[in-house]
Amino acid sequence: MDFKTLSQSKTHIQIHINSRGFNFKNQIMMKSARLNGRHRFIISSFFFIMFLCVLASINEVRFDSFLKFGQCALANVPSHNSSLENKIEALNSSSSSDEIRILIGILTLPDQYQRRHFLRLIYGTQSPLGAKVDVKFVFCNLTKEDQKVLVALEIMRYDDIIILNCKENMNKGKTYTYFSSLPEMLNDTNSPYPPYHYVMKTDDDTYFRLNSLVESLRPLPREDLYYGYVIPCRSMDPFVHYMSGMGYMISWDIVEWIRESDIPKNHLEGPEDKVFGDWIREGHRAKNRYNAKWSMYNFPEPPTTCTHELWPNTIGVHLLKTQEKWIRTLKYFNVTDNLKPSKLYHIP
């Protein structure tokens, strides 16, 4: 083999080697490109899946969450409407604070089903303005099997019964149990405080005209108040004796005092209205007192120093012991005047 032939062979080999090296580099670059493409695909897929998860989670968010978020966002944005919103909120709070909340507890007996149904008609047809008046029937623990069924049905239907943890009585602490049980029963962090501005104890033979009652309370203080019909009957001074058991009312702070003080606990027996007056005197309570005489009185018959003729300026009438007395009283105050005419009935 001559030198020229040998040189051509070397050149051919070199070209072949360079060609193979070029092909090898191309393969490496192609593999690298494929790997990069796979990595990009994986990363893109990951972010796409995350995006889908976000969309799915958004669909599960409740509307109120969006509303709260929007309120928080808007709270930091200056707006010309903010002053208007503040005024509306102030008006709403003012109107709610002006509303008088009253609890009327009618102390009665578990077996007095007919009387309770009758009184539901009496008070259920009254709608006092600017006040929330709740009427509840109050008695001690049930003792008969029929009571457990019938009273339970009443509660399910009307939800207007309070059953105290006591043995039924009139002058041996029932009134104390009533008032002292209310704070634990009614104090609720989700409800306004106090739950009631005024709490009344009354009997099931007393008729109250709720609008007149509310109007008499409107100018009065909502603290340290003792309201009712002064005893003895000839007296007009509410600071001398006590208020009649026909119906007396106290502010919520006195209700809480009754629960906390030892004075009522140590003096339970005796005429309940007189005993209550003793608590108030011994505890130096009720610097604000209101004598509702003669807007509250006993039924005119039989006449006594505690009776009064039925008259328009009436808040409450006591001693309605018979159906006849109730009907006379209700007719006098025209309680059915708002009966709407209808083809379904004819009442002359």
C-alpha atoms as a PDB file:
ATOM      1  CA  MET A   1       0.000   0.000   0.000  1.00  0.00           C
ATOM      2  CA  ASP A   2       1.552   3.280  -1.073  1.00  0.00           C
ATOM      3  CA  PHE A   3       1.580   6.471   0.895  1.00  0.00           C
ATOM      4  CA  LYS A   4      -1.303   8.009  -1.047  1.00  0.00           C
ATOM      5  CA  THR A   5      -3.543   5.010  -0.446  1.00  0.00           C
ATOM      6  CA  LEU A   6      -2.685   4.996   3.242  1.00  0.00           C
ATOM      7  CA  SER A   7      -3.493   8.701   3.510  1.00  0.00           C
ATOM      8  CA  GLN A   8      -6.869   8.245   1.890  1.00  0.00           C
ATOM      9  CA  SER A   9      -7.696   5.376   4.280  1.00  0.00           C
ATOM     10  CA  LYS A  10      -6.834   7.542   7.290  1.00  0.00           C
ATOM     11  CA  THR A  11      -8.944  10.367   5.980  1.00  0.00           C
ATOM     12  CA  HIS A  12     -11.842   7.970   5.427  1.00  0.00           C
ATOM     13  CA  ILE A  13     -11.518   6.579   8.962  1.00  0.00           C
ATOM     14  CA  GLN A  14     -11.358  10.100  10.429  1.00  0.00           C
ATOM     15  CA  ILE A  15     -14.458  11.134   8.560  1.00  0.00           C
ATOM     16  CA  HIS A  16     -16.254   8.000   9.714  1.00  0.00           C
ATOM     17  CA  ILE A  17     -15.252   8.639  13.328  1.00  0.00           C
ATOM     18  CA  ASN A  18     -16.344  12.276  13.138  1.00  0.00           C
ATOM     19  CA  SER A  19     -19.606  11.202  11.590  1.00  0.00           C
ATOM     20  CA  ARG A  20     -20.268   8.723  14.367  1.00  0.00           C
ATOM     21  CA  GLY A  21     -19.326  11.296  16.996  1.00  0.00           C
ATOM     22  CA  PHE A  22     -21.720  13.800  15.475  1.00  0.00           C
ATOM     23  CA  ASN A  23     -24.485  11.228  15.442  1.00  0.00           C
ATOM     24  CA  PHE A  24     -23.771  10.365  19.088  1.00  0.00           C
ATOM     25  CA  LYS A  25     -23.966  14.027  20.110  1.00  0.00           C
ATOM     26  CA  ASN A  26     -27.209  14.387  18.206  1.00  0.00           C
ATOM     27  CA  GLN A  27     -28.650  11.371  20.035  1.00  0.00           C
ATOM     28  CA  ILE A  28     -27.626  12.810  23.407  1.00  0.00           C
ATOM     29  CA  MET A  29     -29.168  16.150  22.516  1.00  0.00           C
ATOM     30  CA  MET A  30     -32.367  14.484  21.322  1.00  0.00           C
ATOM     31  CA  LYS A  31     -32.579  12.437  24.513  1.00  0.00           C
ATOM     32  CA  SER A  32     -31.997  15.550  26.589  1.00  0.00           C
ATOM     33  CA  ALA A  33     -34.699  17.346  24.650  1.00  0.00           C
ATOM     34  CA  ARG A  34     -37.091  14.458  25.241  1.00  0.00           C
ATOM     35  CA  LEU A  35     -36.318  14.528  28.973  1.00  0.00           C
ATOM     36  CA  ASN A  36     -36.858  18.281  29.116  1.00  0.00           C
ATOM     37  CA  GLY A  37     -40.136  17.877  27.272  1.00  0.00           C
ATOM     38  CA  ARG A  38     -41.241  15.223  29.753  1.00  0.00           C
ATOM     39  CA  HIS A  39     -40.287  17.436  32.670  1.00  0.00           C
ATOM     40  CA  ARG A  40     -42.247  20.326  31.223  1.00  0.00           C
ATOM     41  CA  PHE A  41     -45.218  18.048  30.608  1.00  0.00           C
ATOM     42  CA  ILE A  42     -45.103  16.734  34.196  1.00  0.00           C
ATOM     43  CA  ILE A  43     -44.808  20.237  35.662  1.00  0.00           C
ATOM     44  CA  SER A  44     -47.594  21.547  33.424  1.00  0.00           C
ATOM     45  CA  SER A  45     -49.815  18.612  34.390  1.00  0.00           C
ATOM     46  CA  PHE A  46     -49.095  19.218  38.066  1.00  0.00           C
ATOM     47  CA  PHE A  47     -50.127  22.858  37.875  1.00  0.00           C
ATOM     48  CA  PHE A  48     -53.204  21.966  35.811  1.00  0.00           C
ATOM     49  CA  ILE A  49     -54.272  19.435  38.449  1.00  0.00           C
ATOM     50  CA  MET A  50     -53.722  22.029  41.164  1.00  0.00           C
ATOM     51  CA  PHE A  51     -55.875  24.466  39.210  1.00  0.00           C
ATOM     52  CA  LEU A  52     -58.664  21.895  38.993  1.00  0.00           C
ATOM     53  CA  CYS A  53     -58.425  21.277  42.746  1.00  0.00           C
ATOM     54  CA  VAL A  54     -58.737  24.992  43.431  1.00  0.00           C
ATOM     55  CA  LEU A  55     -61.818  25.196  41.217  1.00  0.00           C
ATOM     56  CA  ALA A  56     -63.349  22.201  42.997  1.00  0.00           C
ATOM     57  CA  SER A  57     -62.691  23.694  46.426  1.00  0.00           C
ATOM     58  CA  ILE A  58     -64.204  27.009  45.375  1.00  0.00           C
ATOM     59  CA  ASN A  59     -67.414  25.215  44.465  1.00  0.00           C
ATOM     60  CA  GLU A  60     -67.651  23.923  48.015  1.00  0.00           C
ATOM     61  CA  VAL A  61     -67.368  27.332  49.633  1.00  0.00           C
ATOM     62  CA  ARG A  62     -70.667  28.495  51.033  1.00  0.00           C
ATOM     63  CA  PHE A  63     -72.310  31.707  50.046  1.00  0.00           C
ATOM     64  CA  ASP A  64     -72.019  33.182  53.491  1.00  0.00           C
ATOM     65  CA  SER A  65     -68.234  32.798  53.343  1.00  0.00           C
ATOM     66  CA  PHE A  66     -68.182  34.897  50.187  1.00  0.00           C
ATOM     67  CA  LEU A  67     -70.482  37.388  51.878  1.00  0.00           C
ATOM     68  CA  LYS A  68     -68.208  37.703  54.897  1.00  0.00           C
ATOM     69  CA  PHE A  69     -65.187  38.027  52.639  1.00  0.00           C
ATOM     70  CA  GLY A  70     -66.916  40.755  50.671  1.00  0.00           C
ATOM     71  CA  GLN A  71     -67.899  42.576  53.839  1.00  0.00           C
ATOM     72  CA  CYS A  72     -64.329  42.456  55.108  1.00  0.00           C
ATOM     73  CA  ALA A  73     -63.000  43.686  51.797  1.00  0.00           C
ATOM     74  CA  LEU A  74     -65.512  46.485  51.532  1.00  0.00           C
ATOM     75  CA  ALA A  75     -64.914  47.530  55.129  1.00  0.00           C
ATOM     76  CA  ASN A  76     -61.455  48.821  54.170  1.00  0.00           C
ATOM     77  CA  VAL A  77     -62.666  50.662  51.099  1.00  0.00           C
ATOM     78  CA  PRO A  78     -63.735  54.280  51.619  1.00  0.00           C
ATOM     79  CA  SER A  79     -67.302  54.740  50.549  1.00  0.00           C
ATOM     80  CA  HIS A  80     -69.859  57.506  50.538  1.00  0.00           C
ATOM     81  CA  ASN A  81     -72.416  54.921  51.707  1.00  0.00           C
ATOM     82  CA  SER A  82     -70.601  54.174  54.973  1.00  0.00           C
ATOM     83  CA  SER A  83     -72.209  57.089  56.798  1.00  0.00           C
ATOM     84  CA  LEU A  84     -75.628  55.986  55.578  1.00  0.00           C
ATOM     85  CA  GLU A  85     -74.967  52.435  56.762  1.00  0.00           C
ATOM     86  CA  ASN A  86     -73.901  53.753  60.161  1.00  0.00           C
ATOM     87  CA  LYS A  87     -77.096  55.778  60.446  1.00  0.00           C
ATOM     88  CA  ILE A  88     -79.236  52.763  59.531  1.00  0.00           C
ATOM     89  CA  GLU A  89     -77.410  50.617  62.091  1.00  0.00           C
ATOM     90  CA  ALA A  90     -77.878  53.280  64.744  1.00  0.00           C
ATOM     91  CA  LEU A  91     -81.589  53.518  63.975  1.00  0.00           C
ATOM     92  CA  ASN A  92     -81.972  49.750  64.159  1.00  0.00           C
ATOM     93  CA  SER A  93     -80.175  49.542  67.501  1.00  0.00           C
ATOM     94  CA  SER A  94     -82.203  52.479  68.785  1.00  0.00           C
ATOM     95  CA  SER A  95     -85.505  50.923  67.773  1.00  0.00           C
ATOM     96  CA  SER A  96     -84.563  47.591  69.339  1.00  0.00           C
ATOM     97  CA  SER A  97     -83.473  49.305  72.562  1.00  0.00           C
ATOM     98  CA  ASP A  98     -86.790  51.167  72.740  1.00  0.00           C
ATOM     99  CA  GLU A  99     -88.761  47.931  72.573  1.00  0.00           C
ATOM    100  CA  ILE A 100     -89.931  46.912  76.031  1.00  0.00           C
ATOM    101  CA  ARG A 101     -89.513  43.217  76.826  1.00  0.00           C
ATOM    102  CA  ILE A 102     -91.977  41.882  79.407  1.00  0.00           C
ATOM    103  CA  LEU A 103     -92.491  38.406  80.844  1.00  0.00           C
ATOM    104  CA  ILE A 104     -95.889  37.758  82.428  1.00  0.00           C
ATOM    105  CA  GLY A 105     -95.837  34.642  84.567  1.00  0.00           C
ATOM    106  CA  ILE A 106     -99.326  33.387  85.424  1.00  0.00           C
ATOM    107  CA  LEU A 107     -99.050  31.166  88.481  1.00  0.00           C
ATOM    108  CA  THR A 108    -101.589  28.383  88.109  1.00  0.00           C
ATOM    109  CA  LEU A 109    -102.018  24.609  88.593  1.00  0.00           C
ATOM    110  CA  PRO A 110    -101.207  21.757  86.184  1.00  0.00           C
ATOM    111  CA  ASP A 111    -104.836  20.580  86.035  1.00  0.00           C
ATOM    112  CA  GLN A 112    -106.210  23.981  84.984  1.00  0.00           C
ATOM    113  CA  TYR A 113    -106.316  23.069  81.273  1.00  0.00           C
ATOM    114  CA  GLN A 114    -109.527  24.922  80.442  1.00  0.00           C
ATOM    115  CA  ARG A 115    -108.379  28.087  82.198  1.00  0.00           C
ATOM    116  CA  ARG A 116    -105.083  28.073  80.272  1.00  0.00           C
ATOM    117  CA  HIS A 117    -106.838  27.640  76.936  1.00  0.00           C
ATOM    118  CA  PHE A 118    -109.190  30.474  77.798  1.00  0.00           C
ATOM    119  CA  LEU A 119    -106.333  32.795  78.780  1.00  0.00           C
ATOM    120  CA  ARG A 120    -104.504  31.955  75.545  1.00  0.00           C
ATOM    121  CA  LEU A 121    -107.509  33.415  73.717  1.00  0.00           C
ATOM    122  CA  ILE A 122    -107.466  36.494  75.961  1.00  0.00           C
ATOM    123  CA  TYR A 123    -103.782  37.308  75.495  1.00  0.00           C
ATOM    124  CA  GLY A 124    -103.271  35.803  72.062  1.00  0.00           C
ATOM    125  CA  THR A 125    -105.678  38.345  70.545  1.00  0.00           C
ATOM    126  CA  GLN A 126    -103.741  41.322  71.967  1.00  0.00           C
ATOM    127  CA  SER A 127    -100.832  42.843  70.054  1.00  0.00           C
ATOM    128  CA  PRO A 128     -99.200  45.634  72.062  1.00  0.00           C
ATOM    129  CA  LEU A 129     -97.193  48.141  70.037  1.00  0.00           C
ATOM    130  CA  GLY A 130     -93.510  48.695  70.699  1.00  0.00           C
ATOM    131  CA  ALA A 131     -93.197  45.780  73.089  1.00  0.00           C
ATOM    132  CA  LYS A 132     -92.445  42.085  73.253  1.00  0.00           C
ATOM    133  CA  VAL A 133     -94.805  40.543  75.786  1.00  0.00           C
ATOM    134  CA  ASP A 134     -94.479  36.829  76.562  1.00  0.00           C
ATOM    135  CA  VAL A 135     -97.192  35.183  78.632  1.00  0.00           C
ATOM    136  CA  LYS A 136     -96.169  31.952  80.376  1.00  0.00           C
ATOM    137  CA  PHE A 137     -98.097  29.601  82.657  1.00  0.00           C
ATOM    138  CA  VAL A 138     -96.121  28.634  85.753  1.00  0.00           C
ATOM    139  CA  PHE A 139     -96.607  25.645  88.041  1.00  0.00           C
ATOM    140  CA  CYS A 140     -94.608  23.087  90.014  1.00  0.00           C
ATOM    141  CA  ASN A 141     -93.620  19.514  89.165  1.00  0.00           C
ATOM    142  CA  LEU A 142     -96.185  17.235  87.542  1.00  0.00           C
ATOM    143  CA  THR A 143     -97.514  14.458  89.775  1.00  0.00           C
ATOM    144  CA  LYS A 144    -100.055  12.567  87.630  1.00  0.00           C
ATOM    145  CA  GLU A 145     -99.693  10.399  84.552  1.00  0.00           C
ATOM    146  CA  ASP A 146    -102.347  12.308  82.603  1.00  0.00           C
ATOM    147  CA  GLN A 147    -100.543  15.582  83.339  1.00  0.00           C
ATOM    148  CA  LYS A 148     -97.334  14.216  81.834  1.00  0.00           C
ATOM    149  CA  VAL A 149     -99.176  13.570  78.575  1.00  0.00           C
ATOM    150  CA  LEU A 150    -101.547  16.540  78.385  1.00  0.00           C
ATOM    151  CA  VAL A 151     -99.088  19.172  79.596  1.00  0.00           C
ATOM    152  CA  ALA A 152     -96.441  17.806  77.226  1.00  0.00           C
ATOM    153  CA  LEU A 153     -98.907  18.230  74.352  1.00  0.00           C
ATOM    154  CA  GLU A 154     -99.569  21.809  75.446  1.00  0.00           C
ATOM    155  CA  ILE A 155     -95.857  22.546  75.437  1.00  0.00           C
ATOM    156  CA  MET A 156     -95.448  21.007  71.993  1.00  0.00           C
ATOM    157  CA  ARG A 157     -98.310  23.097  70.649  1.00  0.00           C
ATOM    158  CA  TYR A 158     -97.924  26.424  72.485  1.00  0.00           C
ATOM    159  CA  ASP A 159     -94.472  26.461  74.158  1.00  0.00           C
ATOM    160  CA  ASP A 160     -95.825  28.740  76.908  1.00  0.00           C
ATOM    161  CA  ILE A 161     -95.354  26.692  80.086  1.00  0.00           C
ATOM    162  CA  ILE A 162     -92.704  26.880  82.813  1.00  0.00           C
ATOM    163  CA  ILE A 163     -92.492  23.878  85.155  1.00  0.00           C
ATOM    164  CA  LEU A 164     -90.648  24.713  88.367  1.00  0.00           C
ATOM    165  CA  ASN A 165     -88.717  22.206  90.444  1.00  0.00           C
ATOM    166  CA  CYS A 166     -90.969  22.392  93.504  1.00  0.00           C
ATOM    167  CA  LYS A 167     -93.978  20.825  95.174  1.00  0.00           C
ATOM    168  CA  GLU A 168     -97.185  22.658  94.335  1.00  0.00           C
ATOM    169  CA  ASN A 169     -98.035  25.372  96.869  1.00  0.00           C
ATOM    170  CA  MET A 170     -99.235  28.969  97.070  1.00  0.00           C
ATOM    171  CA  ASN A 171     -97.626  30.492 100.142  1.00  0.00           C
ATOM    172  CA  LYS A 172     -94.630  28.245 100.821  1.00  0.00           C
ATOM    173  CA  GLY A 173     -92.044  29.459  98.356  1.00  0.00           C
ATOM    174  CA  LYS A 174     -93.541  28.987  94.877  1.00  0.00           C
ATOM    175  CA  THR A 175     -93.131  32.685  94.086  1.00  0.00           C
ATOM    176  CA  TYR A 176     -89.491  32.547  95.211  1.00  0.00           C
ATOM    177  CA  THR A 177     -88.834  29.486  93.058  1.00  0.00           C
ATOM    178  CA  TYR A 178     -90.403  31.253  90.086  1.00  0.00           C
ATOM    179  CA  PHE A 179     -88.298  34.400  90.268  1.00  0.00           C
ATOM    180  CA  SER A 180     -85.061  32.720  91.383  1.00  0.00           C
ATOM    181  CA  SER A 181     -85.206  30.144  88.571  1.00  0.00           C
ATOM    182  CA  LEU A 182     -85.525  32.668  85.745  1.00  0.00           C
ATOM    183  CA  PRO A 183     -81.906  33.885  85.436  1.00  0.00           C
ATOM    184  CA  GLU A 184     -80.582  30.372  84.832  1.00  0.00           C
ATOM    185  CA  MET A 185     -83.471  29.566  82.496  1.00  0.00           C
ATOM    186  CA  LEU A 186     -83.331  32.713  80.398  1.00  0.00           C
ATOM    187  CA  ASN A 187     -79.790  34.112  80.376  1.00  0.00           C
ATOM    188  CA  ASP A 188     -78.418  33.237  76.954  1.00  0.00           C
ATOM    189  CA  THR A 189     -75.251  34.634  75.378  1.00  0.00           C
ATOM    190  CA  ASN A 190     -76.974  34.671  71.988  1.00  0.00           C
ATOM    191  CA  SER A 191     -79.919  36.743  73.240  1.00  0.00           C
ATOM    192  CA  PRO A 192     -80.106  40.390  74.277  1.00  0.00           C
ATOM    193  CA  TYR A 193     -79.442  41.297  77.875  1.00  0.00           C
ATOM    194  CA  PRO A 194     -81.504  41.490  79.906  1.00  0.00           C
ATOM    195  CA  PRO A 195     -83.820  38.868  78.414  1.00  0.00           C
ATOM    196  CA  TYR A 196     -86.734  40.892  79.853  1.00  0.00           C
ATOM    197  CA  HIS A 197     -86.769  44.403  81.217  1.00  0.00           C
ATOM    198  CA  TYR A 198     -89.686  43.546  83.506  1.00  0.00           C
ATOM    199  CA  VAL A 199     -91.015  40.304  84.989  1.00  0.00           C
ATOM    200  CA  MET A 200     -94.538  40.005  86.384  1.00  0.00           C
ATOM    201  CA  LYS A 201     -96.109  37.528  88.735  1.00  0.00           C
ATOM    202  CA  THR A 202     -99.892  37.351  88.384  1.00  0.00           C
ATOM    203  CA  ASP A 203    -102.848  35.036  88.974  1.00  0.00           C
ATOM    204  CA  ASP A 204    -105.109  33.215  86.533  1.00  0.00           C
ATOM    205  CA  ASP A 205    -108.120  35.277  87.661  1.00  0.00           C
ATOM    206  CA  THR A 206    -106.601  38.601  86.554  1.00  0.00           C
ATOM    207  CA  TYR A 207    -107.164  40.254  83.183  1.00  0.00           C
ATOM    208  CA  PHE A 208    -104.506  42.615  81.831  1.00  0.00           C
ATOM    209  CA  ARG A 209    -104.937  44.985  78.914  1.00  0.00           C
ATOM    210  CA  LEU A 210    -101.490  44.715  77.412  1.00  0.00           C
ATOM    211  CA  ASN A 211    -101.438  48.004  75.490  1.00  0.00           C
ATOM    212  CA  SER A 212    -102.366  49.936  78.618  1.00  0.00           C
ATOM    213  CA  LEU A 213     -99.775  48.023  80.614  1.00  0.00           C
ATOM    214  CA  VAL A 214     -97.025  48.781  78.092  1.00  0.00           C
ATOM    215  CA  GLU A 215     -97.919  52.467  77.909  1.00  0.00           C
ATOM    216  CA  SER A 216     -97.791  52.769  81.705  1.00  0.00           C
ATOM    217  CA  LEU A 217     -94.292  51.260  81.701  1.00  0.00           C
ATOM    218  CA  ARG A 218     -92.861  53.335  78.879  1.00  0.00           C
ATOM    219  CA  PRO A 219     -91.817  56.385  80.971  1.00  0.00           C
ATOM    220  CA  LEU A 220     -90.610  54.295  83.928  1.00  0.00           C
ATOM    221  CA  PRO A 221     -87.035  53.259  84.798  1.00  0.00           C
ATOM    222  CA  ARG A 222     -85.862  49.827  83.703  1.00  0.00           C
ATOM    223  CA  GLU A 223     -83.847  49.204  86.856  1.00  0.00           C
ATOM    224  CA  ASP A 224     -84.726  48.794  90.521  1.00  0.00           C
ATOM    225  CA  LEU A 225     -88.464  49.031  89.779  1.00  0.00           C
ATOM    226  CA  TYR A 226     -91.382  47.610  91.807  1.00  0.00           C
ATOM    227  CA  TYR A 227     -94.775  48.059  90.093  1.00  0.00           C
ATOM    228  CA  GLY A 228     -98.307  47.129  91.100  1.00  0.00           C
ATOM    229  CA  TYR A 229    -101.404  47.804  93.176  1.00  0.00           C
ATOM    230  CA  VAL A 230    -100.545  49.052  96.654  1.00  0.00           C
ATOM    231  CA  ILE A 231    -101.886  47.242  99.713  1.00  0.00           C
ATOM    232  CA  PRO A 232    -103.743  48.175 101.887  1.00  0.00           C
ATOM    233  CA  CYS A 233    -106.476  49.214  99.505  1.00  0.00           C
ATOM    234  CA  ARG A 234    -106.888  52.712 100.942  1.00  0.00           C
ATOM    235  CA  SER A 235    -103.183  53.467 100.677  1.00  0.00           C
ATOM    236  CA  MET A 236    -101.649  55.283  97.700  1.00  0.00           C
ATOM    237  CA  ASP A 237     -98.045  55.243  98.967  1.00  0.00           C
ATOM    238  CA  PRO A 238     -95.992  52.483  97.306  1.00  0.00           C
ATOM    239  CA  PHE A 239     -93.139  52.860  99.807  1.00  0.00           C
ATOM    240  CA  VAL A 240     -95.089  51.915 102.936  1.00  0.00           C
ATOM    241  CA  HIS A 241     -96.312  48.353 102.422  1.00  0.00           C
ATOM    242  CA  TYR A 242     -96.358  46.049  99.383  1.00  0.00           C
ATOM    243  CA  MET A 243     -98.031  45.347  96.039  1.00  0.00           C
ATOM    244  CA  SER A 244    -101.075  43.076  95.723  1.00  0.00           C
ATOM    245  CA  GLY A 245    -100.626  39.536  94.456  1.00  0.00           C
ATOM    246  CA  MET A 246    -103.180  40.220  91.692  1.00  0.00           C
ATOM    247  CA  GLY A 247    -100.160  41.236  89.620  1.00  0.00           C
ATOM    248  CA  TYR A 248     -96.881  42.899  90.523  1.00  0.00           C
ATOM    249  CA  MET A 249     -93.846  43.515  88.376  1.00  0.00           C
ATOM    250  CA  ILE A 250     -90.125  44.003  89.003  1.00  0.00           C
ATOM    251  CA  SER A 251     -87.177  44.935  86.832  1.00  0.00           C
ATOM    252  CA  TRP A 252     -84.670  42.257  85.804  1.00  0.00           C
ATOM    253  CA  ASP A 253     -81.948  43.405  88.220  1.00  0.00           C
ATOM    254  CA  ILE A 254     -84.263  42.623  91.148  1.00  0.00           C
ATOM    255  CA  VAL A 255     -84.951  39.179  89.647  1.00  0.00           C
ATOM    256  CA  GLU A 256     -81.198  38.517  89.701  1.00  0.00           C
ATOM    257  CA  TRP A 257     -80.950  39.869  93.252  1.00  0.00           C
ATOM    258  CA  ILE A 258     -83.656  37.434  94.418  1.00  0.00           C
ATOM    259  CA  ARG A 259     -81.617  34.546  93.046  1.00  0.00           C
ATOM    260  CA  GLU A 260     -78.373  35.690  94.685  1.00  0.00           C
ATOM    261  CA  SER A 261     -79.524  37.105  98.022  1.00  0.00           C
ATOM    262  CA  ASP A 262     -80.002  35.148 101.248  1.00  0.00           C
ATOM    263  CA  ILE A 263     -82.849  37.416 102.363  1.00  0.00           C
ATOM    264  CA  PRO A 264     -85.572  35.701 100.255  1.00  0.00           C
ATOM    265  CA  LYS A 265     -84.123  32.228 100.925  1.00  0.00           C
ATOM    266  CA  ASN A 266     -84.551  32.697 104.667  1.00  0.00           C
ATOM    267  CA  HIS A 267     -88.114  34.002 104.482  1.00  0.00           C
ATOM    268  CA  LEU A 268     -90.339  31.862 102.248  1.00  0.00           C
ATOM    269  CA  GLU A 269     -93.585  31.138 104.072  1.00  0.00           C
ATOM    270  CA  GLY A 270     -96.559  33.460 104.445  1.00  0.00           C
ATOM    271  CA  PRO A 271     -98.888  35.386 102.117  1.00  0.00           C
ATOM    272  CA  GLU A 272     -96.718  35.504  99.022  1.00  0.00           C
ATOM    273  CA  ASP A 273     -97.318  39.144  98.088  1.00  0.00           C
ATOM    274  CA  LYS A 274     -96.642  40.359 101.640  1.00  0.00           C
ATOM    275  CA  VAL A 275     -93.546  38.157 101.905  1.00  0.00           C
ATOM    276  CA  PHE A 276     -92.294  39.594  98.635  1.00  0.00           C
ATOM    277  CA  GLY A 277     -92.730  43.107 100.016  1.00  0.00           C
ATOM    278  CA  ASP A 278     -90.714  42.068 103.080  1.00  0.00           C
ATOM    279  CA  TRP A 279     -87.820  40.969 100.831  1.00  0.00           C
ATOM    280  CA  ILE A 280     -87.820  44.314  99.049  1.00  0.00           C
ATOM    281  CA  ARG A 281     -87.855  46.267 102.324  1.00  0.00           C
ATOM    282  CA  GLU A 282     -85.182  44.169 104.065  1.00  0.00           C
ATOM    283  CA  GLY A 283     -82.935  44.234 101.007  1.00  0.00           C
ATOM    284  CA  HIS A 284     -83.351  47.998 100.519  1.00  0.00           C
ATOM    285  CA  ARG A 285     -84.423  47.386  96.938  1.00  0.00           C
ATOM    286  CA  ALA A 286     -86.807  49.142  94.549  1.00  0.00           C
ATOM    287  CA  LYS A 287     -85.993  52.798  94.953  1.00  0.00           C
ATOM    288  CA  ASN A 288     -88.285  53.199  91.927  1.00  0.00           C
ATOM    289  CA  ARG A 289     -91.886  52.249  92.663  1.00  0.00           C
ATOM    290  CA  TYR A 290     -95.098  52.741  90.738  1.00  0.00           C
ATOM    291  CA  ASN A 291     -98.593  52.479  92.157  1.00  0.00           C
ATOM    292  CA  ALA A 292    -100.981  51.507  89.325  1.00  0.00           C
ATOM    293  CA  LYS A 293    -104.084  52.126  91.434  1.00  0.00           C
ATOM    294  CA  TRP A 294    -106.827  52.817  90.202  1.00  0.00           C
ATOM    295  CA  SER A 295    -105.925  51.487  86.801  1.00  0.00           C
ATOM    296  CA  MET A 296    -105.656  48.140  88.542  1.00  0.00           C
ATOM    297  CA  TYR A 297    -108.460  47.029  90.835  1.00  0.00           C
ATOM    298  CA  ASN A 298    -110.735  44.191  91.891  1.00  0.00           C
ATOM    299  CA  PHE A 299    -113.920  43.399  89.979  1.00  0.00           C
ATOM    300  CA  PRO A 300    -116.764  45.734  91.116  1.00  0.00           C
ATOM    301  CA  GLU A 301    -118.822  43.012  92.749  1.00  0.00           C
ATOM    302  CA  PRO A 302    -119.064  42.494  95.625  1.00  0.00           C
ATOM    303  CA  PRO A 303    -118.050  46.088  96.427  1.00  0.00           C
ATOM    304  CA  THR A 304    -115.137  46.558  98.837  1.00  0.00           C
ATOM    305  CA  THR A 305    -112.440  49.157  99.431  1.00  0.00           C
ATOM    306  CA  CYS A 306    -110.354  47.342  96.781  1.00  0.00           C
ATOM    307  CA  THR A 307    -113.005  47.350  94.027  1.00  0.00           C
ATOM    308  CA  HIS A 308    -113.693  49.881  91.322  1.00  0.00           C
ATOM    309  CA  GLU A 309    -116.246  50.216  88.563  1.00  0.00           C
ATOM    310  CA  LEU A 310    -115.048  49.109  85.151  1.00  0.00           C
ATOM    311  CA  TRP A 311    -113.736  52.169  83.362  1.00  0.00           C
ATOM    312  CA  PRO A 312    -111.690  52.934  80.215  1.00  0.00           C
ATOM    313  CA  ASN A 313    -108.482  53.842  82.047  1.00  0.00           C
ATOM    314  CA  THR A 314    -107.896  50.246  83.078  1.00  0.00           C
ATOM    315  CA  ILE A 315    -104.705  48.191  83.094  1.00  0.00           C
ATOM    316  CA  GLY A 316    -105.869  45.142  85.052  1.00  0.00           C
ATOM    317  CA  VAL A 317    -108.977  43.665  86.662  1.00  0.00           C
ATOM    318  CA  HIS A 318    -108.688  41.076  89.446  1.00  0.00           C
ATOM    319  CA  LEU A 319    -110.965  38.451  91.032  1.00  0.00           C
ATOM    320  CA  LEU A 320    -112.582  37.246  87.798  1.00  0.00           C
ATOM    321  CA  LYS A 321    -113.573  34.021  89.475  1.00  0.00           C
ATOM    322  CA  THR A 322    -116.512  33.107  87.233  1.00  0.00           C
ATOM    323  CA  GLN A 323    -117.199  32.955  83.522  1.00  0.00           C
ATOM    324  CA  GLU A 324    -119.899  35.600  83.954  1.00  0.00           C
ATOM    325  CA  LYS A 325    -117.416  38.109  85.410  1.00  0.00           C
ATOM    326  CA  TRP A 326    -114.985  37.441  82.603  1.00  0.00           C
ATOM    327  CA  ILE A 327    -117.658  37.965  79.949  1.00  0.00           C
ATOM    328  CA  ARG A 328    -118.872  41.198  81.531  1.00  0.00           C
ATOM    329  CA  THR A 329    -115.324  42.512  81.639  1.00  0.00           C
ATOM    330  CA  LEU A 330    -114.486  41.502  78.070  1.00  0.00           C
ATOM    331  CA  LYS A 331    -117.712  42.979  76.725  1.00  0.00           C
ATOM    332  CA  TYR A 332    -117.090  46.251  78.511  1.00  0.00           C
ATOM    333  CA  PHE A 333    -113.709  46.627  76.814  1.00  0.00           C
ATOM    334  CA  ASN A 334    -115.110  45.579  73.408  1.00  0.00           C
ATOM    335  CA  VAL A 335    -112.456  42.951  72.873  1.00  0.00           C
ATOM    336  CA  THR A 336    -114.240  41.500  69.804  1.00  0.00           C
ATOM    337  CA  ASP A 337    -114.546  44.811  67.917  1.00  0.00           C
ATOM    338  CA  ASN A 338    -111.748  43.797  65.558  1.00  0.00           C
ATOM    339  CA  LEU A 339    -113.562  40.688  64.373  1.00  0.00           C
ATOM    340  CA  LYS A 340    -113.398  40.738  60.577  1.00  0.00           C
ATOM    341  CA  PRO A 341    -116.619  40.195  58.630  1.00  0.00           C
ATOM    342  CA  SER A 342    -116.814  36.954  56.721  1.00  0.00           C
ATOM    343  CA  LYS A 343    -119.286  34.761  54.890  1.00  0.00           C
ATOM    344  CA  LEU A 344    -118.101  31.879  57.067  1.00  0.00           C
ATOM    345  CA  TYR A 345    -119.907  33.066  60.210  1.00  0.00           C
ATOM    346  CA  HIS A 346    -122.643  35.342  61.482  1.00  0.00           C
ATOM    347  CA  ILE A 347    -122.354  36.758  65.010  1.00  0.00           C
ATOM    348  CA  PRO A 348    -125.090  39.318  65.808  1.00  0.00           C
END
